[in-house]
Amino acid sequence: MRVLLVEDDAVLADGLARVLRGHGMAVELLRSGSEADAALLRPDAAEVVVLDIGLPGLDGLEVLRRLRARAGAVPVLLLTARDAIEDRVRGLELGADDYLVKPFATPELVARLKALARRNVPQPAVLGLGSLTLDTQAKRARVGERVIDLSVREWAVLEYLFLHSARVVSKQQIIDAILPWGEDVTTNAVEVYISRVRQKTADAGISIRTIRGFGYMLEASAAADGHA
């Protein structure tokens, strides 16, 4: 993942860059709003932007405004030390995709960036496996013609497994995928969601296998040996 990090606090910026690079991200670090505005003229500048609001010269909100005025669609996560809710509301109105208020935990930043990058990847409108189909635009799942009643998090778990079918995904990867929907999610909660999804798709010709010590894998039942 290519990340454009715009932060004028040298100590914080260097620390964040190290953390993100430690998670395999390619980080371009800039210190001012004018530098960020110029960099974002490049169509391939980044897959995700981390943008501090309180920048010298052009502030982060102006950089964001200019980006969206040019129809730039790259996801932007704002960093702010300001307590006023007006700043956060203004950022969202200008087109920010997410924000974090300083101080924040770096694992949360990493998880939010991964979530933003996933949401920005074009996905097929309809996914299918066995007799199960997922309409990713309407957020609706069907077994044959029957609509499955799924909660928001059950949908998020099933969609993530679908998009990574025939591959093992860990509980932590699933947690990261459903993080945007609210409070902290535990590994025990993931097990509950997996169990509910299994029950609701029992006649769909699919299997969610438990790969002990690693996670889960979605596959067609004909190729599955059953799940634990």
Protein backbone atom coordinates (compact mmCIF):
# COMPACT_ATOMS: atom_id res chain seq x y z
CA MET A 1 0.00 0.00 0.00
CA ARG A 2 1.33 3.43 -0.97
CA VAL A 3 0.68 5.98 1.78
CA LEU A 4 1.19 9.74 1.54
CA LEU A 5 1.81 10.94 5.12
CA VAL A 6 1.56 14.71 5.63
CA GLU A 7 2.58 15.77 9.14
CA ASP A 8 4.70 18.74 10.25
CA ASP A 9 5.65 17.34 13.68
CA ALA A 10 8.98 15.71 12.82
CA VAL A 11 9.06 13.32 15.77
CA LEU A 12 5.49 12.12 15.23
CA ALA A 13 5.91 11.92 11.45
CA ASP A 14 9.10 9.86 11.64
CA GLY A 15 7.56 7.54 14.22
CA LEU A 16 4.41 6.98 12.16
CA ALA A 17 6.45 6.41 9.01
CA ARG A 18 8.48 3.70 10.78
CA VAL A 19 5.33 1.97 12.03
CA LEU A 20 3.64 2.01 8.62
CA ARG A 21 6.76 0.79 6.84
CA GLY A 22 6.99 -1.96 9.44
CA HIS A 23 3.56 -3.11 8.20
CA GLY A 24 4.84 -3.31 4.63
CA MET A 25 3.53 0.06 3.45
CA ALA A 26 5.46 2.39 1.13
CA VAL A 27 5.42 5.81 2.80
CA GLU A 28 6.10 9.21 1.23
CA LEU A 29 6.54 11.74 4.05
CA LEU A 30 5.79 15.44 3.54
CA ARG A 31 5.87 18.31 6.04
CA SER A 32 3.63 21.05 4.60
CA GLY A 33 0.29 21.60 2.94
CA SER A 34 1.83 23.15 -0.17
CA GLU A 35 4.02 20.07 -0.66
CA ALA A 36 0.99 17.82 -0.22
CA ASP A 37 -1.11 19.86 -2.66
CA ALA A 38 1.63 19.58 -5.28
CA ALA A 39 2.15 15.85 -4.69
CA LEU A 40 -1.57 15.16 -5.01
CA LEU A 41 -1.55 16.55 -8.53
CA ARG A 42 0.03 13.23 -9.49
CA PRO A 43 -2.70 10.69 -10.30
CA ASP A 44 -0.67 7.88 -8.72
CA ALA A 45 0.51 9.82 -5.66
CA ALA A 46 -0.88 7.32 -3.14
CA GLU A 47 -3.52 4.73 -2.41
CA VAL A 48 -4.32 6.39 0.93
CA VAL A 49 -3.49 9.84 2.35
CA VAL A 50 -2.87 10.56 6.05
CA LEU A 51 -3.32 14.32 6.34
CA ASP A 52 -2.75 16.46 9.44
CA ILE A 53 -5.17 19.39 9.68
CA GLY A 54 -2.77 21.77 11.43
CA LEU A 55 -0.14 22.21 8.71
CA PRO A 56 1.98 25.29 7.99
CA GLY A 57 1.02 27.27 4.89
CA LEU A 58 -2.00 25.49 3.48
CA ASP A 59 -3.78 23.67 6.29
CA GLY A 60 -5.03 20.14 5.84
CA LEU A 61 -8.64 21.18 5.22
CA GLU A 62 -7.59 23.41 2.32
CA VAL A 63 -5.43 20.64 0.86
CA LEU A 64 -8.46 18.33 1.09
CA ARG A 65 -10.78 20.92 -0.46
CA ARG A 66 -8.43 21.39 -3.43
CA LEU A 67 -8.05 17.63 -3.88
CA ARG A 68 -11.80 17.02 -4.02
CA ALA A 69 -12.32 20.08 -6.25
CA ARG A 70 -10.04 18.35 -8.79
CA ALA A 71 -12.21 15.22 -8.44
CA GLY A 72 -9.36 13.42 -6.68
CA ALA A 73 -10.88 10.25 -5.23
CA VAL A 74 -7.97 8.91 -3.14
CA PRO A 75 -9.14 8.04 0.41
CA VAL A 76 -8.08 10.62 3.02
CA LEU A 77 -7.73 10.08 6.76
CA LEU A 78 -7.41 13.32 8.74
CA LEU A 79 -5.26 13.71 11.84
CA THR A 80 -6.23 16.47 14.23
CA ALA A 81 -5.29 17.67 17.69
CA ARG A 82 -8.25 20.02 17.74
CA ASP A 83 -11.08 19.30 20.16
CA ALA A 84 -13.74 21.31 18.31
CA ILE A 85 -16.22 19.01 16.65
CA GLU A 86 -16.63 21.65 13.93
CA ASP A 87 -13.19 20.78 12.53
CA ARG A 88 -14.07 17.13 12.19
CA VAL A 89 -17.48 17.89 10.69
CA ARG A 90 -15.88 20.32 8.24
CA GLY A 91 -13.36 17.68 7.19
CA LEU A 92 -16.08 15.12 6.54
CA GLU A 93 -18.12 17.68 4.60
CA LEU A 94 -15.08 18.39 2.41
CA GLY A 95 -14.76 14.72 1.57
CA ALA A 96 -12.55 13.12 4.23
CA ASP A 97 -13.13 9.38 4.55
CA ASP A 98 -12.08 9.02 8.18
CA TYR A 99 -10.28 10.87 10.98
CA LEU A 100 -8.29 10.27 14.15
CA VAL A 101 -7.90 12.70 17.05
CA LYS A 102 -4.41 12.96 18.57
CA PRO A 103 -3.18 11.19 20.59
CA PHE A 104 -4.17 7.88 19.02
CA ALA A 105 -2.96 4.28 19.08
CA THR A 106 -0.87 3.35 16.04
CA PRO A 107 -2.56 -0.08 15.64
CA GLU A 108 -5.85 1.77 15.14
CA LEU A 109 -4.27 3.95 12.45
CA VAL A 110 -2.91 0.88 10.65
CA ALA A 111 -6.30 -0.87 10.82
CA ARG A 112 -8.15 2.18 9.53
CA LEU A 113 -5.72 2.63 6.63
CA LYS A 114 -6.14 -1.01 5.62
CA ALA A 115 -9.91 -0.62 5.77
CA LEU A 116 -9.80 2.53 3.61
CA ALA A 117 -7.59 0.81 1.05
CA ARG A 118 -9.95 -2.18 0.87
CA ARG A 119 -12.99 0.03 0.39
CA ASN A 120 -11.24 1.80 -2.49
CA VAL A 121 -10.63 -1.41 -4.47
CA PRO A 122 -13.26 -1.94 -7.20
CA GLN A 123 -15.29 -5.07 -6.53
CA PRO A 124 -17.61 -7.10 -8.73
CA ALA A 125 -21.25 -6.12 -8.20
CA VAL A 126 -22.36 -9.73 -7.74
CA LEU A 127 -20.31 -12.56 -6.28
CA GLY A 128 -21.30 -16.20 -6.43
CA LEU A 129 -20.25 -19.53 -4.93
CA GLY A 130 -22.36 -22.67 -4.73
CA SER A 131 -25.97 -21.43 -4.67
CA LEU A 132 -24.99 -18.37 -2.63
CA THR A 133 -24.82 -14.95 -4.31
CA LEU A 134 -23.76 -11.62 -2.80
CA ASP A 135 -24.84 -8.31 -4.29
CA THR A 136 -22.09 -6.02 -2.99
CA GLN A 137 -23.92 -2.85 -4.03
CA ALA A 138 -27.32 -3.70 -2.57
CA LYS A 139 -25.66 -5.46 0.40
CA ARG A 140 -27.92 -8.47 -0.04
CA ALA A 141 -27.18 -12.18 0.13
CA ARG A 142 -29.31 -14.94 -1.41
CA VAL A 143 -29.36 -18.71 -1.41
CA GLY A 144 -31.05 -19.39 -4.71
CA GLU A 145 -34.02 -17.00 -4.62
CA ARG A 146 -34.15 -16.84 -0.81
CA VAL A 147 -32.81 -13.66 0.80
CA ILE A 148 -30.63 -14.27 3.87
CA ASP A 149 -31.18 -11.99 6.85
CA LEU A 150 -27.71 -10.84 7.93
CA SER A 151 -26.62 -8.25 10.47
CA VAL A 152 -24.15 -5.58 9.37
CA ARG A 153 -21.21 -7.46 10.88
CA GLU A 154 -22.36 -10.85 9.62
CA TRP A 155 -22.51 -9.32 6.14
CA ALA A 156 -19.03 -7.84 6.56
CA VAL A 157 -17.61 -11.21 7.63
CA LEU A 158 -19.27 -13.10 4.78
CA GLU A 159 -18.26 -10.51 2.17
CA TYR A 160 -14.65 -10.57 3.37
CA LEU A 161 -14.54 -14.37 3.21
CA PHE A 162 -16.09 -14.26 -0.27
CA LEU A 163 -13.53 -11.76 -1.55
CA HIS A 164 -10.78 -14.04 -0.23
CA SER A 165 -12.37 -17.39 -1.07
CA ALA A 166 -10.06 -20.41 -1.31
CA ARG A 167 -7.55 -18.52 0.86
CA VAL A 168 -7.03 -18.74 4.61
CA VAL A 169 -7.85 -15.52 6.47
CA SER A 170 -7.01 -14.94 10.11
CA LYS A 171 -9.34 -13.73 12.84
CA GLN A 172 -7.34 -10.50 13.01
CA GLN A 173 -7.83 -9.88 9.30
CA ILE A 174 -11.56 -10.32 9.79
CA ILE A 175 -11.49 -7.94 12.77
CA ASP A 176 -9.71 -5.33 10.65
CA ALA A 177 -12.33 -5.80 7.92
CA ILE A 178 -15.32 -5.12 10.19
CA LEU A 179 -13.65 -2.46 12.36
CA PRO A 180 -15.33 0.52 10.62
CA TRP A 181 -18.70 -0.63 11.97
CA GLY A 182 -18.07 0.29 15.59
CA GLU A 183 -16.51 -0.66 18.88
CA ASP A 184 -13.67 -3.08 19.51
CA VAL A 185 -14.17 -6.60 18.18
CA THR A 186 -12.72 -9.62 19.96
CA THR A 187 -11.61 -12.92 18.47
CA ASN A 188 -14.45 -14.58 20.41
CA ALA A 189 -16.90 -12.27 18.66
CA VAL A 190 -15.47 -13.34 15.29
CA GLU A 191 -16.17 -16.96 16.21
CA VAL A 192 -19.78 -16.02 17.00
CA TYR A 193 -20.21 -14.25 13.64
CA ILE A 194 -18.67 -17.19 11.78
CA SER A 195 -21.03 -19.59 13.58
CA ARG A 196 -24.08 -17.47 12.68
CA VAL A 197 -23.02 -17.16 9.04
CA ARG A 198 -22.49 -20.92 8.84
CA GLN A 199 -26.00 -21.54 10.17
CA LYS A 200 -27.59 -19.08 7.75
CA THR A 201 -25.74 -20.50 4.73
CA ALA A 202 -25.96 -24.19 5.67
CA ASP A 203 -27.88 -25.07 2.48
CA ALA A 204 -25.89 -22.81 0.14
CA GLY A 205 -23.36 -25.34 -1.17
CA ILE A 206 -20.44 -23.63 0.60
CA SER A 207 -18.21 -24.45 3.55
CA ILE A 208 -16.42 -22.13 5.95
CA ARG A 209 -13.58 -24.33 7.13
CA THR A 210 -11.69 -23.74 10.35
CA ILE A 211 -7.95 -24.05 9.72
CA ARG A 212 -6.69 -24.53 13.26
CA GLY A 213 -4.00 -22.10 14.29
CA PHE A 214 -4.50 -19.98 11.16
CA GLY A 215 -8.11 -18.93 10.62
CA TYR A 216 -10.90 -19.67 8.16
CA MET A 217 -11.34 -20.49 4.48
CA LEU A 218 -14.47 -20.24 2.36
CA GLU A 219 -14.86 -22.76 -0.45
CA ALA A 220 -17.49 -24.69 -2.37
CA SER A 221 -18.80 -27.67 -0.41
CA ALA A 222 -17.87 -30.10 -3.19
CA ALA A 223 -14.19 -29.27 -2.56
CA ALA A 224 -14.46 -29.17 1.22
CA ASP A 225 -13.80 -31.83 3.79
CA GLY A 226 -16.14 -30.21 6.31
CA HIS A 227 -15.37 -27.70 9.01
CA ALA A 228 -14.30 -28.06 12.59
